[in-house]
Every structure is written in C-alpha cells, then in structure tokens.
Amino acid sequence: MRTILLSIPCVAALALAACGSENSESVFGDSAESAADAGESGASVPDQATITATGPDGEEVVQSTGKDVPVALPKGITVYPEAKVISNQVTTSGNISNATVMLQSDAMPAEIVDFYRDQVEKADMELEIDVDLDVSKMLGSTRTSDGAKLTVSATRNEGETVTTVMLNSMSAPES
C-alpha cells in the first residue's frame, strides 16, 4: 500500500508534464533517469521531482513532488510533531498554490486531527467539516482573510496512521 501511495505524486507530476505544454522541463532529483525508466527497470523513483511547464498564455506552472520537497503550509499550521513526511507535492501557478503533504505516524487519528483542529482555530481559519468515521478522522477549514482551504484526513491501517494535509489557496502559503 505504501508503494502505491508514494507513486501517486510521481504519476501526477508526469501527468502535469504531459498537459500539452510545448515548453516544459523535468528534473527528477539528482538522477538523469526518467521516472518511467526507473519504474520499468525496477530502480527506485527519486525522492524529489520538479516539473516546470509554460502554457500557451505564458503562465508558468511549477510542480514539485517527493518526500524531500519543503513543506508549504499556512502560517500557524505545522507538520504533526511525531509524524514522518512520506510525500509532499506543491504546485504553483501565478498566485495559486496547492500543497498536499502525506504523513506517517504511530499516533491515533483522533490525536492528529485534534492537533490540527487546535492549530486551525488559532490560525484564523473557520472549521467547516469535522468527520469521525471510526478508523478515519477528517476536518476541513477555510481561512477567513483570503479563502484558503485546509483539509486534514487521518486514517489508521495496520498499526500506523497515514495523514493527508491539503492546502488550496489563491496566494503563496506563509511559512
């Protein structure tokens, strides 16, 4: 299951590169191997990939993905203290920024979501969704000042919790 979860951001990065842009650049970590070649040869996919594409209107889209990409979350929102970043994807285009961080932890989903609920309340964000589905917990919030949306989902499976933290904003996240 972990292999599939880690592959999703790489596939998304490759899909973005194929979006019809005539001017694109792809960098996969320090490796000259393409992700497709790595997958076919059985080699590991690099820990970080960055794709830059310029659309027909001249707008540049930059997508970085991998566990070594710096985490970009809004001011006041941090990575859960006992969690390990297993994947991170940041996409920017003009003033639009989207980030998806996947975390792995031994903590229970309720503990993780409670941690983020507390941060959301302190970060001028309004809690809009709060879901408890036994082994999964989820919350969704919006920052009142600019409409940025933050969603946190934590699911327990086989003795560990995988958490996804997603940010969608119309301006670059504050660090």
Protein backbone atom coordinates (compact mmCIF):
# COMPACT_ATOMS: atom_id res chain seq x y z
CA MET A 1 0.00 0.00 0.00
CA ARG A 2 2.85 2.39 0.83
CA THR A 3 4.31 1.91 -2.66
CA ILE A 4 1.02 2.91 -4.28
CA LEU A 5 0.66 6.00 -2.06
CA LEU A 6 4.19 7.15 -2.83
CA SER A 7 3.70 6.57 -6.57
CA ILE A 8 0.61 8.79 -6.82
CA PRO A 9 2.50 12.13 -6.62
CA CYS A 10 5.04 10.96 -9.22
CA VAL A 11 2.27 9.93 -11.61
CA ALA A 12 0.55 13.28 -11.04
CA ALA A 13 3.80 15.08 -11.80
CA LEU A 14 4.22 13.16 -15.04
CA ALA A 15 0.61 13.88 -16.00
CA LEU A 16 1.17 17.60 -15.46
CA ALA A 17 4.23 17.45 -17.70
CA ALA A 18 2.12 15.96 -20.46
CA CYS A 19 -0.56 18.67 -20.28
CA GLY A 20 0.20 19.95 -23.77
CA SER A 21 2.88 22.44 -22.91
CA GLU A 22 5.49 22.92 -25.59
CA ASN A 23 7.95 24.39 -23.12
CA SER A 24 8.49 22.10 -20.19
CA GLU A 25 11.38 20.94 -18.10
CA SER A 26 11.50 17.91 -15.86
CA VAL A 27 14.03 17.28 -13.14
CA PHE A 28 13.98 14.05 -11.13
CA GLY A 29 16.20 14.52 -8.09
CA ASP A 30 19.86 14.15 -8.97
CA SER A 31 19.15 11.29 -11.34
CA ALA A 32 19.20 11.53 -15.13
CA GLU A 33 16.83 8.54 -15.33
CA SER A 34 13.23 9.28 -16.19
CA ALA A 35 10.59 8.11 -13.74
CA ALA A 36 9.19 5.76 -16.39
CA ASP A 37 12.60 4.17 -16.96
CA ALA A 38 13.08 3.85 -13.21
CA GLY A 39 9.74 2.08 -12.85
CA GLU A 40 10.40 -0.30 -15.75
CA SER A 41 13.94 -1.16 -14.65
CA GLY A 42 12.92 -1.83 -11.05
CA ALA A 43 15.07 1.10 -9.85
CA SER A 44 13.64 3.38 -7.22
CA VAL A 45 11.90 6.61 -8.15
CA PRO A 46 13.88 9.63 -6.88
CA ASP A 47 12.94 11.33 -3.60
CA GLN A 48 12.14 14.61 -5.37
CA ALA A 49 10.93 15.68 -8.80
CA THR A 50 10.23 19.14 -10.17
CA ILE A 51 8.38 19.89 -13.39
CA THR A 52 8.12 23.35 -14.88
CA ALA A 53 5.75 23.96 -17.77
CA THR A 54 4.76 27.10 -19.65
CA GLY A 55 1.28 27.14 -21.11
CA PRO A 56 0.17 28.83 -24.34
CA ASP A 57 -0.70 32.01 -22.39
CA GLY A 58 2.86 32.20 -20.98
CA GLU A 59 1.75 31.22 -17.47
CA GLU A 60 4.38 29.09 -15.73
CA VAL A 61 3.29 26.10 -13.65
CA VAL A 62 5.80 24.55 -11.26
CA GLN A 63 5.11 21.24 -9.58
CA SER A 64 7.49 19.71 -7.05
CA THR A 65 6.81 16.32 -5.55
CA GLY A 66 8.59 13.97 -3.18
CA LYS A 67 9.42 13.48 0.46
CA ASP A 68 12.31 15.99 0.32
CA VAL A 69 10.24 18.92 -1.06
CA PRO A 70 9.99 21.67 1.58
CA VAL A 71 6.59 21.60 3.27
CA ALA A 72 4.49 24.69 2.41
CA LEU A 73 1.62 25.15 4.86
CA PRO A 74 -0.12 28.34 6.03
CA LYS A 75 1.26 30.35 8.94
CA GLY A 76 0.32 28.64 12.18
CA ILE A 77 -0.13 25.17 10.61
CA THR A 78 2.74 22.73 11.10
CA VAL A 79 3.55 19.07 10.48
CA TYR A 80 2.32 16.84 13.32
CA PRO A 81 5.32 16.61 15.72
CA GLU A 82 5.64 12.82 15.79
CA ALA A 83 4.99 12.32 12.07
CA LYS A 84 7.35 11.49 9.24
CA VAL A 85 6.78 13.23 5.87
CA ILE A 86 6.38 10.40 3.35
CA SER A 87 5.33 12.55 0.40
CA ASN A 88 4.83 16.20 -0.39
CA GLN A 89 3.52 17.85 -3.52
CA VAL A 90 3.47 21.59 -4.14
CA THR A 91 2.03 23.15 -7.30
CA THR A 92 2.17 26.88 -8.02
CA SER A 93 0.89 28.90 -10.93
CA GLY A 94 0.77 32.67 -10.61
CA ASN A 95 -0.95 33.41 -7.31
CA ILE A 96 -2.45 29.91 -6.98
CA SER A 97 -0.75 27.44 -4.66
CA ASN A 98 -1.77 23.89 -3.83
CA ALA A 99 0.07 21.62 -1.41
CA THR A 100 -0.54 18.02 -0.38
CA VAL A 101 1.57 16.56 2.43
CA MET A 102 1.33 12.88 3.38
CA LEU A 103 2.48 11.94 6.87
CA GLN A 104 3.07 8.65 8.66
CA SER A 105 2.75 8.33 12.43
CA ASP A 106 2.11 5.88 15.25
CA ALA A 107 -0.37 8.35 16.79
CA MET A 108 -4.09 7.66 16.59
CA PRO A 109 -6.15 9.61 14.02
CA ALA A 110 -8.11 11.44 16.76
CA GLU A 111 -4.87 12.77 18.31
CA ILE A 112 -3.63 14.04 14.95
CA VAL A 113 -6.91 15.67 13.94
CA ASP A 114 -7.23 17.27 17.41
CA PHE A 115 -3.73 18.74 16.91
CA TYR A 116 -4.77 20.28 13.57
CA ARG A 117 -8.17 21.40 14.92
CA ASP A 118 -6.33 23.41 17.60
CA GLN A 119 -3.98 24.93 15.00
CA VAL A 120 -6.89 25.80 12.66
CA GLU A 121 -8.68 27.67 15.44
CA LYS A 122 -5.53 29.66 16.28
CA ALA A 123 -4.75 30.42 12.62
CA ASP A 124 -7.89 32.46 11.83
CA MET A 125 -9.46 29.52 10.00
CA GLU A 126 -13.11 28.56 10.29
CA LEU A 127 -13.81 24.86 10.86
CA GLU A 128 -16.38 23.73 8.27
CA ILE A 129 -16.10 19.93 8.22
CA ASP A 130 -15.46 17.61 11.15
CA VAL A 131 -15.97 13.91 10.37
CA ASP A 132 -15.42 10.85 12.58
CA LEU A 133 -15.56 7.52 10.72
CA ASP A 134 -14.17 5.11 13.33
CA VAL A 135 -10.65 4.48 11.95
CA SER A 136 -10.62 7.72 9.93
CA LYS A 137 -10.99 11.33 11.03
CA MET A 138 -11.24 14.40 8.82
CA LEU A 139 -11.59 18.15 9.15
CA GLY A 140 -11.93 20.94 6.63
CA SER A 141 -11.46 24.64 7.18
CA THR A 142 -11.27 27.97 5.39
CA ARG A 143 -9.12 30.96 6.30
CA THR A 144 -11.49 33.92 6.54
CA SER A 145 -8.99 36.53 5.32
CA ASP A 146 -8.33 35.03 1.88
CA GLY A 147 -10.45 31.90 1.40
CA ALA A 148 -7.55 29.43 1.59
CA LYS A 149 -8.82 25.92 2.28
CA LEU A 150 -7.12 23.35 4.50
CA THR A 151 -8.24 19.73 4.72
CA VAL A 152 -6.78 17.10 7.06
CA SER A 153 -7.59 13.40 6.82
CA ALA A 154 -6.07 10.76 9.12
CA THR A 155 -6.65 7.02 8.66
CA ARG A 156 -5.42 4.13 10.80
CA ASN A 157 -4.25 1.00 8.98
CA GLU A 158 -2.06 -1.89 10.11
CA GLY A 159 -0.79 -0.16 13.25
CA GLU A 160 0.07 3.19 11.66
CA THR A 161 -1.77 6.34 10.75
CA VAL A 162 -1.41 7.99 7.34
CA THR A 163 -2.44 11.63 7.32
CA THR A 164 -3.03 13.81 4.30
CA VAL A 165 -2.88 17.59 4.76
CA MET A 166 -4.11 19.57 1.72
CA LEU A 167 -3.97 23.31 1.16
CA ASN A 168 -5.62 25.20 -1.69
CA SER A 169 -5.02 28.93 -1.81
CA MET A 170 -5.04 31.91 -4.13
CA SER A 171 -1.74 33.16 -2.78
CA ALA A 172 1.53 31.51 -1.81
CA PRO A 173 1.40 29.92 1.66
CA GLU A 174 3.04 31.79 4.50
CA SER A 175 5.89 29.94 6.20
